[in-house]
Amino acid sequence: EYKPLGCEYVKQSDVRVIAASNADLTKLLSCGAIREDFYYRLNVMILSLPALREREGDIEELANHFLGQYCVQYGLPKKRFHSATLAWMKNHSWPGNVRELDSFVHRAFLLSSGPLVHLPATSLDFPKKGAEHSSPWMNVQEGKLKEAKARYIDRFEKHYLKQLMAECQGNVSLAARRAGKERRAFGKLLKKHSIERADYFQSA
């Protein structure tokens, strides 16, 4: 029962309230962030949904669902994920859960041509599961700042080039344009890191 503001009589309604939160309500209650009466009104049935990184089987299923939706939305033939992209998704920590996965699939879809969806070059390989607060490339014990920085940049550069070449399926000219580099200079970078274009040719 409830009485609208300014109304002289009580109204009745048959409703079910479903509330969702990514915060621990018991902790919010203990620190006074929410009212007790509000908490106890909600605390009838609690359903805890594990984070996406704890539901490995759901990642591929959800990703394929989103991919299918974008194919329909953009009026394009069906696409599928490259095996390396699927492996990356299963190893990513997904701190943004399903919303992050949806955005990732959308971005990968838009940046990939052909029937295969590749990992976008902008998707750096961190954070991984169990390593949300550290970079897989850097260790503070690697030495002085200058030397550690040089090694970090070198690793980032190599990783970026590999991801970009995978996305462009070995097309050096296309990869150079996306990187904002002149083709000859881009080729020198590939040679510097011993990256062979033939390794990234993909068949449909």
N, C-alpha and C. Protein backbone atom coordinates (compact mmCIF):
# COMPACT_ATOMS: atom_id res chain seq x y z
N GLU A 1 0.83 -1.19 0.00
CA GLU A 1 0.00 0.00 0.00
C GLU A 1 0.87 1.25 0.00
N TYR A 2 0.40 2.29 -0.65
CA TYR A 2 1.14 3.54 -0.68
C TYR A 2 0.17 4.69 -0.90
N LYS A 3 0.61 5.83 -0.47
CA LYS A 3 -0.23 7.03 -0.60
C LYS A 3 0.55 8.09 -1.36
N PRO A 4 0.18 8.36 -2.61
CA PRO A 4 0.90 9.36 -3.40
C PRO A 4 0.87 10.73 -2.73
N LEU A 5 1.91 11.50 -2.94
CA LEU A 5 2.00 12.83 -2.36
C LEU A 5 0.82 13.68 -2.80
N GLY A 6 0.09 14.25 -1.83
CA GLY A 6 -1.06 15.10 -2.13
C GLY A 6 -2.35 14.35 -2.32
N CYS A 7 -2.27 13.02 -2.26
CA CYS A 7 -3.47 12.20 -2.44
C CYS A 7 -4.14 11.95 -1.09
N GLU A 8 -5.46 11.88 -1.07
CA GLU A 8 -6.19 11.71 0.20
C GLU A 8 -6.50 10.26 0.50
N TYR A 9 -6.20 9.36 -0.41
CA TYR A 9 -6.54 7.97 -0.17
C TYR A 9 -5.35 7.07 -0.50
N VAL A 10 -5.39 5.86 0.06
CA VAL A 10 -4.31 4.89 -0.11
C VAL A 10 -4.56 4.05 -1.36
N LYS A 11 -3.49 3.82 -2.12
CA LYS A 11 -3.57 2.94 -3.29
C LYS A 11 -2.88 1.63 -3.01
N GLN A 12 -3.23 0.62 -3.78
CA GLN A 12 -2.63 -0.71 -3.63
C GLN A 12 -1.98 -1.14 -4.94
N SER A 13 -0.92 -1.88 -4.82
CA SER A 13 -0.23 -2.37 -6.00
C SER A 13 0.42 -3.71 -5.70
N ASP A 14 0.44 -4.58 -6.70
CA ASP A 14 1.06 -5.89 -6.55
C ASP A 14 2.34 -5.90 -7.38
N VAL A 15 3.47 -5.70 -6.74
CA VAL A 15 4.73 -5.58 -7.46
C VAL A 15 5.80 -6.48 -6.85
N ARG A 16 6.84 -6.72 -7.65
CA ARG A 16 8.02 -7.43 -7.15
C ARG A 16 9.22 -6.55 -7.47
N VAL A 17 9.99 -6.22 -6.46
CA VAL A 17 11.14 -5.34 -6.63
C VAL A 17 12.40 -6.18 -6.80
N ILE A 18 13.13 -5.94 -7.91
CA ILE A 18 14.40 -6.61 -8.15
C ILE A 18 15.48 -5.53 -8.21
N ALA A 19 16.44 -5.61 -7.32
CA ALA A 19 17.51 -4.62 -7.26
C ALA A 19 18.85 -5.30 -7.57
N ALA A 20 19.72 -4.60 -8.27
CA ALA A 20 21.04 -5.15 -8.60
C ALA A 20 22.12 -4.17 -8.17
N SER A 21 23.23 -4.71 -7.69
CA SER A 21 24.34 -3.86 -7.26
C SER A 21 25.64 -4.62 -7.43
N ASN A 22 26.71 -3.89 -7.78
CA ASN A 22 28.03 -4.51 -7.84
C ASN A 22 28.80 -4.28 -6.55
N ALA A 23 28.12 -3.75 -5.54
CA ALA A 23 28.74 -3.51 -4.23
C ALA A 23 28.22 -4.52 -3.22
N ASP A 24 28.99 -4.74 -2.16
CA ASP A 24 28.60 -5.63 -1.07
C ASP A 24 27.67 -4.86 -0.14
N LEU A 25 26.37 -5.19 -0.16
CA LEU A 25 25.40 -4.43 0.61
C LEU A 25 25.63 -4.55 2.11
N THR A 26 26.12 -5.70 2.58
CA THR A 26 26.37 -5.86 4.01
C THR A 26 27.48 -4.91 4.48
N LYS A 27 28.48 -4.70 3.62
CA LYS A 27 29.55 -3.76 3.97
C LYS A 27 29.03 -2.33 3.95
N LEU A 28 28.17 -2.01 2.98
CA LEU A 28 27.59 -0.68 2.92
C LEU A 28 26.73 -0.41 4.15
N LEU A 29 26.05 -1.46 4.60
CA LEU A 29 25.20 -1.32 5.79
C LEU A 29 26.05 -1.08 7.03
N SER A 30 27.14 -1.82 7.16
CA SER A 30 27.98 -1.70 8.35
C SER A 30 28.65 -0.34 8.48
N CYS A 31 28.91 0.31 7.33
CA CYS A 31 29.56 1.61 7.38
C CYS A 31 28.56 2.76 7.27
N GLY A 32 27.28 2.42 7.30
CA GLY A 32 26.24 3.45 7.30
C GLY A 32 25.97 4.08 5.95
N ALA A 33 26.39 3.42 4.87
CA ALA A 33 26.18 3.99 3.54
C ALA A 33 24.75 3.79 3.05
N ILE A 34 24.05 2.79 3.58
CA ILE A 34 22.64 2.60 3.25
C ILE A 34 21.85 2.42 4.53
N ARG A 35 20.56 2.70 4.48
CA ARG A 35 19.69 2.61 5.66
C ARG A 35 19.35 1.15 5.97
N GLU A 36 19.22 0.85 7.26
CA GLU A 36 18.89 -0.51 7.68
C GLU A 36 17.53 -0.95 7.16
N ASP A 37 16.53 -0.06 7.27
CA ASP A 37 15.19 -0.47 6.85
C ASP A 37 15.16 -0.75 5.34
N PHE A 38 15.95 0.01 4.56
CA PHE A 38 16.04 -0.23 3.12
C PHE A 38 16.68 -1.58 2.85
N TYR A 39 17.76 -1.89 3.56
CA TYR A 39 18.46 -3.16 3.37
C TYR A 39 17.55 -4.34 3.70
N TYR A 40 16.84 -4.27 4.83
CA TYR A 40 16.01 -5.40 5.24
C TYR A 40 14.78 -5.57 4.37
N ARG A 41 14.34 -4.51 3.73
CA ARG A 41 13.24 -4.64 2.78
C ARG A 41 13.70 -5.38 1.51
N LEU A 42 14.94 -5.17 1.14
CA LEU A 42 15.48 -5.84 -0.05
C LEU A 42 15.94 -7.27 0.25
N ASN A 43 16.34 -7.52 1.47
CA ASN A 43 17.00 -8.77 1.83
C ASN A 43 16.00 -9.92 2.00
N VAL A 44 15.32 -10.26 0.92
CA VAL A 44 14.39 -11.39 0.93
C VAL A 44 15.03 -12.59 0.24
N MET A 45 15.48 -12.38 -0.98
CA MET A 45 16.16 -13.43 -1.73
C MET A 45 17.41 -12.82 -2.37
N ILE A 46 18.57 -13.36 -2.04
CA ILE A 46 19.84 -12.85 -2.57
C ILE A 46 20.39 -13.82 -3.61
N LEU A 47 20.70 -13.31 -4.80
CA LEU A 47 21.32 -14.11 -5.85
C LEU A 47 22.68 -13.49 -6.16
N SER A 48 23.74 -14.25 -5.96
CA SER A 48 25.09 -13.75 -6.23
C SER A 48 25.56 -14.27 -7.57
N LEU A 49 25.90 -13.37 -8.47
CA LEU A 49 26.38 -13.74 -9.81
C LEU A 49 27.89 -13.56 -9.85
N PRO A 50 28.64 -14.63 -10.05
CA PRO A 50 30.11 -14.51 -10.09
C PRO A 50 30.56 -13.60 -11.24
N ALA A 51 31.74 -13.03 -11.09
CA ALA A 51 32.30 -12.19 -12.14
C ALA A 51 32.51 -13.02 -13.40
N LEU A 52 32.51 -12.37 -14.55
CA LEU A 52 32.64 -13.07 -15.83
C LEU A 52 33.92 -13.89 -15.89
N ARG A 53 35.02 -13.39 -15.31
CA ARG A 53 36.29 -14.13 -15.36
C ARG A 53 36.21 -15.46 -14.62
N GLU A 54 35.19 -15.61 -13.76
CA GLU A 54 35.01 -16.86 -13.02
C GLU A 54 34.04 -17.80 -13.73
N ARG A 55 33.54 -17.37 -14.90
CA ARG A 55 32.59 -18.18 -15.67
C ARG A 55 33.15 -18.38 -17.07
N GLU A 56 34.23 -19.14 -17.18
CA GLU A 56 34.93 -19.30 -18.45
C GLU A 56 34.01 -19.78 -19.56
N GLY A 57 33.13 -20.70 -19.24
CA GLY A 57 32.25 -21.24 -20.27
C GLY A 57 31.30 -20.22 -20.85
N ASP A 58 31.02 -19.15 -20.10
CA ASP A 58 30.09 -18.13 -20.58
C ASP A 58 30.75 -17.15 -21.54
N ILE A 59 32.06 -17.00 -21.46
CA ILE A 59 32.75 -15.97 -22.25
C ILE A 59 32.56 -16.22 -23.75
N GLU A 60 32.88 -17.42 -24.22
CA GLU A 60 32.76 -17.71 -25.64
C GLU A 60 31.31 -17.66 -26.09
N GLU A 61 30.41 -18.19 -25.27
CA GLU A 61 28.98 -18.20 -25.63
C GLU A 61 28.44 -16.78 -25.76
N LEU A 62 28.76 -15.93 -24.80
CA LEU A 62 28.29 -14.55 -24.85
C LEU A 62 28.94 -13.79 -26.01
N ALA A 63 30.24 -14.02 -26.22
CA ALA A 63 30.94 -13.34 -27.31
C ALA A 63 30.32 -13.69 -28.66
N ASN A 64 30.01 -14.97 -28.88
CA ASN A 64 29.38 -15.38 -30.13
C ASN A 64 27.98 -14.79 -30.28
N HIS A 65 27.29 -14.67 -29.15
CA HIS A 65 25.96 -14.06 -29.17
C HIS A 65 26.05 -12.60 -29.61
N PHE A 66 26.98 -11.85 -29.02
CA PHE A 66 27.15 -10.44 -29.38
C PHE A 66 27.59 -10.31 -30.84
N LEU A 67 28.50 -11.20 -31.27
CA LEU A 67 28.99 -11.16 -32.64
C LEU A 67 27.84 -11.36 -33.62
N GLY A 68 26.96 -12.31 -33.32
CA GLY A 68 25.81 -12.56 -34.17
C GLY A 68 24.89 -11.35 -34.24
N GLN A 69 24.72 -10.68 -33.11
CA GLN A 69 23.88 -9.48 -33.07
C GLN A 69 24.44 -8.38 -33.97
N TYR A 70 25.77 -8.18 -33.93
CA TYR A 70 26.37 -7.12 -34.73
C TYR A 70 26.35 -7.46 -36.22
N CYS A 71 26.43 -8.73 -36.56
CA CYS A 71 26.32 -9.11 -37.96
C CYS A 71 24.93 -8.74 -38.49
N VAL A 72 23.91 -8.99 -37.68
CA VAL A 72 22.55 -8.64 -38.08
C VAL A 72 22.39 -7.12 -38.13
N GLN A 73 22.91 -6.44 -37.10
CA GLN A 73 22.77 -4.98 -37.02
C GLN A 73 23.38 -4.27 -38.23
N TYR A 74 24.55 -4.77 -38.68
CA TYR A 74 25.25 -4.12 -39.79
C TYR A 74 24.95 -4.77 -41.13
N GLY A 75 24.07 -5.77 -41.12
CA GLY A 75 23.68 -6.41 -42.37
C GLY A 75 24.81 -7.13 -43.07
N LEU A 76 25.69 -7.79 -42.31
CA LEU A 76 26.84 -8.48 -42.88
C LEU A 76 26.71 -9.99 -42.69
N PRO A 77 27.40 -10.78 -43.53
CA PRO A 77 27.37 -12.24 -43.37
C PRO A 77 27.93 -12.66 -42.01
N LYS A 78 27.62 -13.87 -41.64
CA LYS A 78 28.09 -14.38 -40.36
C LYS A 78 29.61 -14.37 -40.29
N LYS A 79 30.13 -14.05 -39.11
CA LYS A 79 31.58 -14.05 -38.87
C LYS A 79 31.88 -15.00 -37.71
N ARG A 80 33.14 -15.32 -37.56
CA ARG A 80 33.56 -16.13 -36.42
C ARG A 80 34.89 -15.59 -35.91
N PHE A 81 35.17 -15.92 -34.66
CA PHE A 81 36.40 -15.44 -34.03
C PHE A 81 37.60 -16.30 -34.44
N HIS A 82 38.72 -15.63 -34.66
CA HIS A 82 39.97 -16.35 -34.87
C HIS A 82 40.32 -17.07 -33.57
N SER A 83 40.95 -18.21 -33.66
CA SER A 83 41.26 -19.01 -32.47
C SER A 83 42.11 -18.23 -31.46
N ALA A 84 43.03 -17.38 -31.97
CA ALA A 84 43.88 -16.59 -31.07
C ALA A 84 43.04 -15.56 -30.31
N THR A 85 42.01 -15.03 -30.96
CA THR A 85 41.14 -14.06 -30.31
C THR A 85 40.33 -14.74 -29.20
N LEU A 86 39.83 -15.92 -29.47
CA LEU A 86 39.09 -16.67 -28.46
C LEU A 86 39.99 -16.99 -27.26
N ALA A 87 41.22 -17.40 -27.54
CA ALA A 87 42.16 -17.72 -26.46
C ALA A 87 42.42 -16.48 -25.61
N TRP A 88 42.58 -15.31 -26.26
CA TRP A 88 42.82 -14.07 -25.52
C TRP A 88 41.64 -13.74 -24.63
N MET A 89 40.44 -13.88 -25.17
CA MET A 89 39.23 -13.55 -24.40
C MET A 89 39.11 -14.44 -23.16
N LYS A 90 39.44 -15.71 -23.33
CA LYS A 90 39.31 -16.64 -22.20
C LYS A 90 40.37 -16.37 -21.13
N ASN A 91 41.46 -15.69 -21.50
CA ASN A 91 42.54 -15.42 -20.56
C ASN A 91 42.49 -14.00 -19.99
N HIS A 92 41.55 -13.19 -20.48
CA HIS A 92 41.42 -11.81 -20.01
C HIS A 92 40.61 -11.79 -18.71
N SER A 93 40.87 -10.82 -17.83
CA SER A 93 40.21 -10.79 -16.52
C SER A 93 38.84 -10.14 -16.56
N TRP A 94 38.52 -9.38 -17.60
CA TRP A 94 37.22 -8.72 -17.76
C TRP A 94 36.76 -7.98 -16.52
N PRO A 95 37.52 -6.97 -16.08
CA PRO A 95 37.09 -6.19 -14.91
C PRO A 95 35.76 -5.49 -15.12
N GLY A 96 35.41 -5.22 -16.39
CA GLY A 96 34.13 -4.58 -16.69
C GLY A 96 33.01 -5.57 -16.97
N ASN A 97 33.29 -6.86 -16.76
CA ASN A 97 32.31 -7.93 -16.92
C ASN A 97 31.66 -7.93 -18.31
N VAL A 98 30.36 -8.22 -18.37
CA VAL A 98 29.69 -8.43 -19.66
C VAL A 98 29.68 -7.17 -20.52
N ARG A 99 29.56 -5.99 -19.90
CA ARG A 99 29.58 -4.75 -20.68
C ARG A 99 30.91 -4.58 -21.40
N GLU A 100 32.00 -4.92 -20.72
CA GLU A 100 33.31 -4.81 -21.35
C GLU A 100 33.44 -5.80 -22.50
N LEU A 101 32.94 -7.02 -22.29
CA LEU A 101 32.99 -8.04 -23.34
C LEU A 101 32.20 -7.59 -24.57
N ASP A 102 31.02 -7.04 -24.34
CA ASP A 102 30.18 -6.55 -25.44
C ASP A 102 30.92 -5.47 -26.23
N SER A 103 31.51 -4.51 -25.53
CA SER A 103 32.25 -3.43 -26.20
C SER A 103 33.45 -3.97 -26.97
N PHE A 104 34.14 -4.94 -26.37
CA PHE A 104 35.30 -5.54 -27.04
C PHE A 104 34.89 -6.21 -28.34
N VAL A 105 33.81 -7.00 -28.30
CA VAL A 105 33.33 -7.69 -29.50
C VAL A 105 32.92 -6.69 -30.57
N HIS A 106 32.26 -5.63 -30.16
CA HIS A 106 31.84 -4.60 -31.10
C HIS A 106 33.05 -3.97 -31.80
N ARG A 107 34.06 -3.63 -31.01
CA ARG A 107 35.28 -3.01 -31.55
C ARG A 107 36.01 -3.97 -32.50
N ALA A 108 36.16 -5.23 -32.06
CA ALA A 108 36.85 -6.23 -32.89
C ALA A 108 36.09 -6.46 -34.19
N PHE A 109 34.77 -6.47 -34.11
CA PHE A 109 33.93 -6.66 -35.29
C PHE A 109 34.13 -5.53 -36.30
N LEU A 110 34.15 -4.30 -35.80
CA LEU A 110 34.28 -3.14 -36.68
C LEU A 110 35.67 -3.06 -37.33
N LEU A 111 36.69 -3.56 -36.63
CA LEU A 111 38.05 -3.44 -37.12
C LEU A 111 38.51 -4.63 -37.97
N SER A 112 37.69 -5.66 -38.05
CA SER A 112 38.08 -6.85 -38.79
C SER A 112 37.33 -6.92 -40.12
N SER A 113 38.04 -7.29 -41.17
CA SER A 113 37.42 -7.50 -42.46
C SER A 113 37.45 -9.00 -42.78
N GLY A 114 36.51 -9.43 -43.59
CA GLY A 114 36.46 -10.85 -43.91
C GLY A 114 35.68 -11.63 -42.88
N PRO A 115 35.65 -12.94 -43.02
CA PRO A 115 34.83 -13.78 -42.14
C PRO A 115 35.43 -14.02 -40.76
N LEU A 116 36.73 -13.71 -40.59
CA LEU A 116 37.39 -13.93 -39.30
C LEU A 116 37.51 -12.63 -38.52
N VAL A 117 37.20 -12.70 -37.23
CA VAL A 117 37.35 -11.53 -36.35
C VAL A 117 38.63 -11.70 -35.55
N HIS A 118 39.55 -10.75 -35.72
CA HIS A 118 40.85 -10.82 -35.07
C HIS A 118 40.90 -9.91 -33.86
N LEU A 119 41.91 -10.13 -33.05
CA LEU A 119 42.12 -9.31 -31.86
C LEU A 119 42.57 -7.91 -32.27
N PRO A 120 41.86 -6.86 -31.85
CA PRO A 120 42.29 -5.50 -32.19
C PRO A 120 43.67 -5.19 -31.62
N ALA A 121 44.46 -4.44 -32.36
CA ALA A 121 45.81 -4.11 -31.91
C ALA A 121 45.79 -3.27 -30.65
N THR A 122 44.66 -2.59 -30.39
CA THR A 122 44.56 -1.75 -29.20
C THR A 122 44.28 -2.55 -27.94
N SER A 123 44.01 -3.84 -28.08
CA SER A 123 43.69 -4.67 -26.92
C SER A 123 44.97 -5.24 -26.34
N LEU A 124 45.62 -4.50 -25.47
CA LEU A 124 46.86 -4.95 -24.85
C LEU A 124 46.58 -6.15 -23.96
N ASP A 125 47.55 -7.03 -23.91
CA ASP A 125 47.33 -8.30 -23.24
C ASP A 125 47.47 -8.21 -21.72
N PHE A 126 46.67 -7.32 -21.11
CA PHE A 126 46.61 -7.25 -19.66
C PHE A 126 45.36 -6.49 -19.30
N PRO A 127 44.74 -6.67 -18.11
CA PRO A 127 45.21 -7.61 -17.10
C PRO A 127 44.76 -9.03 -17.38
N LYS A 128 45.59 -9.99 -17.03
CA LYS A 128 45.21 -11.38 -17.14
C LYS A 128 44.63 -11.84 -15.80
N LYS A 129 44.02 -13.01 -15.82
CA LYS A 129 43.45 -13.55 -14.59
C LYS A 129 44.53 -13.71 -13.54
N GLY A 130 44.22 -13.24 -12.34
CA GLY A 130 45.16 -13.34 -11.25
C GLY A 130 46.25 -12.31 -11.30
N ALA A 131 46.21 -11.40 -12.26
CA ALA A 131 47.25 -10.38 -12.37
C ALA A 131 46.63 -9.04 -12.70
N GLU A 132 45.50 -8.73 -12.05
CA GLU A 132 44.77 -7.51 -12.38
C GLU A 132 45.55 -6.25 -12.07
N HIS A 133 46.49 -6.33 -11.14
CA HIS A 133 47.17 -5.12 -10.70
C HIS A 133 48.64 -5.07 -11.12
N SER A 134 49.00 -5.89 -12.10
CA SER A 134 50.39 -5.87 -12.53
C SER A 134 50.47 -6.04 -14.03
N SER A 135 51.55 -5.55 -14.62
CA SER A 135 51.76 -5.71 -16.05
C SER A 135 52.60 -6.94 -16.30
N PRO A 136 52.27 -7.76 -17.31
CA PRO A 136 53.06 -8.96 -17.58
C PRO A 136 54.41 -8.63 -18.20
N TRP A 137 54.63 -7.36 -18.54
CA TRP A 137 55.88 -6.99 -19.22
C TRP A 137 56.90 -6.37 -18.29
N MET A 138 56.48 -5.85 -17.16
CA MET A 138 57.39 -5.01 -16.39
C MET A 138 57.62 -5.55 -14.98
N ASN A 139 58.85 -5.44 -14.53
CA ASN A 139 59.22 -5.83 -13.19
C ASN A 139 60.10 -4.71 -12.63
N VAL A 140 59.75 -4.21 -11.46
CA VAL A 140 60.49 -3.07 -10.90
C VAL A 140 61.92 -3.45 -10.54
N GLN A 141 62.24 -4.73 -10.54
CA GLN A 141 63.58 -5.17 -10.22
C GLN A 141 64.46 -5.31 -11.46
N GLU A 142 63.97 -4.80 -12.62
CA GLU A 142 64.72 -4.95 -13.86
C GLU A 142 65.93 -4.03 -13.95
N GLY A 143 66.07 -3.11 -13.03
CA GLY A 143 67.24 -2.24 -13.08
C GLY A 143 66.85 -0.78 -12.99
N LYS A 144 67.76 0.09 -13.42
CA LYS A 144 67.51 1.52 -13.35
C LYS A 144 66.37 1.91 -14.28
N LEU A 145 65.79 3.07 -13.99
CA LEU A 145 64.62 3.53 -14.72
C LEU A 145 64.86 3.56 -16.23
N LYS A 146 65.98 4.12 -16.67
CA LYS A 146 66.24 4.27 -18.09
C LYS A 146 66.28 2.93 -18.81
N GLU A 147 67.01 1.95 -18.21
CA GLU A 147 67.12 0.64 -18.83
C GLU A 147 65.79 -0.11 -18.79
N ALA A 148 65.09 -0.02 -17.65
CA ALA A 148 63.81 -0.70 -17.52
C ALA A 148 62.79 -0.12 -18.49
N LYS A 149 62.81 1.20 -18.66
CA LYS A 149 61.89 1.86 -19.58
C LYS A 149 62.15 1.41 -21.02
N ALA A 150 63.43 1.31 -21.39
CA ALA A 150 63.79 0.89 -22.75
C ALA A 150 63.30 -0.53 -23.02
N ARG A 151 63.45 -1.41 -22.02
CA ARG A 151 63.00 -2.79 -22.20
C ARG A 151 61.48 -2.85 -22.29
N TYR A 152 60.82 -2.05 -21.47
CA TYR A 152 59.35 -2.03 -21.47
C TYR A 152 58.82 -1.57 -22.83
N ILE A 153 59.41 -0.49 -23.36
CA ILE A 153 58.98 0.04 -24.65
C ILE A 153 59.22 -0.98 -25.75
N ASP A 154 60.36 -1.68 -25.68
CA ASP A 154 60.68 -2.68 -26.68
C ASP A 154 59.65 -3.81 -26.67
N ARG A 155 59.27 -4.24 -25.49
CA ARG A 155 58.28 -5.31 -25.37
C ARG A 155 56.91 -4.85 -25.87
N PHE A 156 56.54 -3.63 -25.47
CA PHE A 156 55.26 -3.08 -25.93
C PHE A 156 55.24 -2.99 -27.45
N GLU A 157 56.33 -2.50 -28.03
CA GLU A 157 56.42 -2.31 -29.48
C GLU A 157 56.25 -3.65 -30.21
N LYS A 158 56.94 -4.67 -29.72
CA LYS A 158 56.85 -5.98 -30.34
C LYS A 158 55.44 -6.53 -30.23
N HIS A 159 54.85 -6.39 -29.05
CA HIS A 159 53.48 -6.89 -28.84
C HIS A 159 52.50 -6.16 -29.74
N TYR A 160 52.63 -4.86 -29.83
CA TYR A 160 51.74 -4.04 -30.67
C TYR A 160 51.85 -4.46 -32.13
N LEU A 161 53.06 -4.64 -32.62
CA LEU A 161 53.26 -5.01 -34.01
C LEU A 161 52.66 -6.38 -34.31
N LYS A 162 52.84 -7.32 -33.41
CA LYS A 162 52.29 -8.66 -33.62
C LYS A 162 50.76 -8.62 -33.68
N GLN A 163 50.15 -7.88 -32.75
CA GLN A 163 48.70 -7.79 -32.74
C GLN A 163 48.19 -7.10 -33.99
N LEU A 164 48.88 -6.06 -34.43
CA LEU A 164 48.47 -5.32 -35.61
C LEU A 164 48.59 -6.18 -36.87
N MET A 165 49.68 -6.93 -36.97
CA MET A 165 49.86 -7.81 -38.13
C MET A 165 48.81 -8.92 -38.15
N ALA A 166 48.44 -9.41 -36.96
CA ALA A 166 47.39 -10.43 -36.89
C ALA A 166 46.06 -9.86 -37.34
N GLU A 167 45.78 -8.64 -36.90
CA GLU A 167 44.52 -7.98 -37.27
C GLU A 167 44.46 -7.73 -38.78
N CYS A 168 45.59 -7.36 -39.37
CA CYS A 168 45.65 -7.03 -40.80
C CYS A 168 46.00 -8.25 -41.65
N GLN A 169 46.07 -9.43 -41.02
CA GLN A 169 46.31 -10.69 -41.70
C GLN A 169 47.55 -10.65 -42.61
N GLY A 170 48.63 -10.01 -42.11
CA GLY A 170 49.89 -9.99 -42.84
C GLY A 170 50.01 -8.90 -43.89
N ASN A 171 49.01 -8.06 -44.00
CA ASN A 171 49.05 -6.97 -44.99
C ASN A 171 49.87 -5.82 -44.41
N VAL A 172 51.12 -5.70 -44.84
CA VAL A 172 52.04 -4.72 -44.28
C VAL A 172 51.59 -3.29 -44.57
N SER A 173 51.11 -3.05 -45.78
CA SER A 173 50.67 -1.69 -46.14
C SER A 173 49.52 -1.23 -45.27
N LEU A 174 48.54 -2.13 -45.07
CA LEU A 174 47.40 -1.79 -44.24
C LEU A 174 47.83 -1.57 -42.79
N ALA A 175 48.70 -2.44 -42.29
CA ALA A 175 49.18 -2.32 -40.92
C ALA A 175 49.94 -1.02 -40.72
N ALA A 176 50.75 -0.65 -41.71
CA ALA A 176 51.52 0.60 -41.62
C ALA A 176 50.58 1.80 -41.55
N ARG A 177 49.52 1.79 -42.37
CA ARG A 177 48.57 2.91 -42.35
C ARG A 177 47.88 3.01 -41.00
N ARG A 178 47.48 1.87 -40.44
CA ARG A 178 46.80 1.89 -39.15
C ARG A 178 47.73 2.33 -38.03
N ALA A 179 49.00 2.05 -38.20
CA ALA A 179 49.98 2.46 -37.18
C ALA A 179 50.42 3.90 -37.37
N GLY A 180 50.03 4.51 -38.50
CA GLY A 180 50.44 5.89 -38.78
C GLY A 180 51.90 5.98 -39.15
N LYS A 181 52.42 4.91 -39.78
CA LYS A 181 53.84 4.89 -40.16
C LYS A 181 53.97 4.75 -41.68
N GLU A 182 55.10 5.26 -42.20
CA GLU A 182 55.43 5.05 -43.60
C GLU A 182 55.80 3.57 -43.77
N ARG A 183 55.41 2.97 -44.91
CA ARG A 183 55.55 1.53 -45.08
C ARG A 183 56.99 1.06 -44.89
N ARG A 184 57.95 1.82 -45.43
CA ARG A 184 59.35 1.40 -45.31
C ARG A 184 59.80 1.41 -43.86
N ALA A 185 59.40 2.45 -43.12
CA ALA A 185 59.78 2.54 -41.70
C ALA A 185 59.10 1.43 -40.90
N PHE A 186 57.86 1.13 -41.28
CA PHE A 186 57.13 0.05 -40.60
C PHE A 186 57.81 -1.29 -40.85
N GLY A 187 58.28 -1.48 -42.10
CA GLY A 187 58.98 -2.71 -42.43
C GLY A 187 60.25 -2.89 -41.62
N LYS A 188 60.93 -1.78 -41.35
CA LYS A 188 62.14 -1.84 -40.52
C LYS A 188 61.81 -2.27 -39.09
N LEU A 189 60.68 -1.81 -38.60
CA LEU A 189 60.26 -2.21 -37.25
C LEU A 189 59.97 -3.70 -37.20
N LEU A 190 59.32 -4.22 -38.24
CA LEU A 190 59.05 -5.65 -38.30
C LEU A 190 60.35 -6.44 -38.31
N LYS A 191 61.30 -5.97 -39.09
CA LYS A 191 62.59 -6.65 -39.18
C LYS A 191 63.33 -6.59 -37.84
N LYS A 192 63.23 -5.44 -37.18
CA LYS A 192 63.89 -5.26 -35.88
C LYS A 192 63.41 -6.30 -34.87
N HIS A 193 62.13 -6.63 -34.92
CA HIS A 193 61.57 -7.57 -33.95
C HIS A 193 61.39 -8.98 -34.53
N SER A 194 62.00 -9.22 -35.70
CA SER A 194 61.97 -10.54 -36.36
C SER A 194 60.54 -11.03 -36.56
N ILE A 195 59.68 -10.15 -37.02
CA ILE A 195 58.28 -10.47 -37.28
C ILE A 195 58.11 -10.71 -38.78
N GLU A 196 57.73 -11.92 -39.15
CA GLU A 196 57.56 -12.29 -40.56
C GLU A 196 56.10 -12.16 -40.96
N ARG A 197 55.85 -11.43 -42.05
CA ARG A 197 54.48 -11.22 -42.50
C ARG A 197 53.78 -12.52 -42.87
N ALA A 198 54.55 -13.49 -43.37
CA ALA A 198 53.96 -14.77 -43.78
C ALA A 198 53.31 -15.52 -42.61
N ASP A 199 53.77 -15.23 -41.40
CA ASP A 199 53.22 -15.90 -40.22
C ASP A 199 51.80 -15.44 -39.91
N TYR A 200 51.35 -14.39 -40.59
CA TYR A 200 50.05 -13.81 -40.23
C TYR A 200 49.04 -13.90 -41.35
N PHE A 201 49.38 -14.61 -42.42
CA PHE A 201 48.40 -14.87 -43.47
C PHE A 201 47.34 -15.81 -42.91
N GLN A 202 46.08 -15.46 -43.11
CA GLN A 202 44.99 -16.30 -42.60
C GLN A 202 44.05 -16.66 -43.74
N SER A 203 43.71 -17.91 -43.77
CA SER A 203 42.71 -18.34 -44.76
C SER A 203 41.33 -18.17 -44.20
N ALA A 204 40.34 -18.02 -45.08
CA ALA A 204 38.95 -17.87 -44.64
C ALA A 204 38.47 -19.17 -44.05
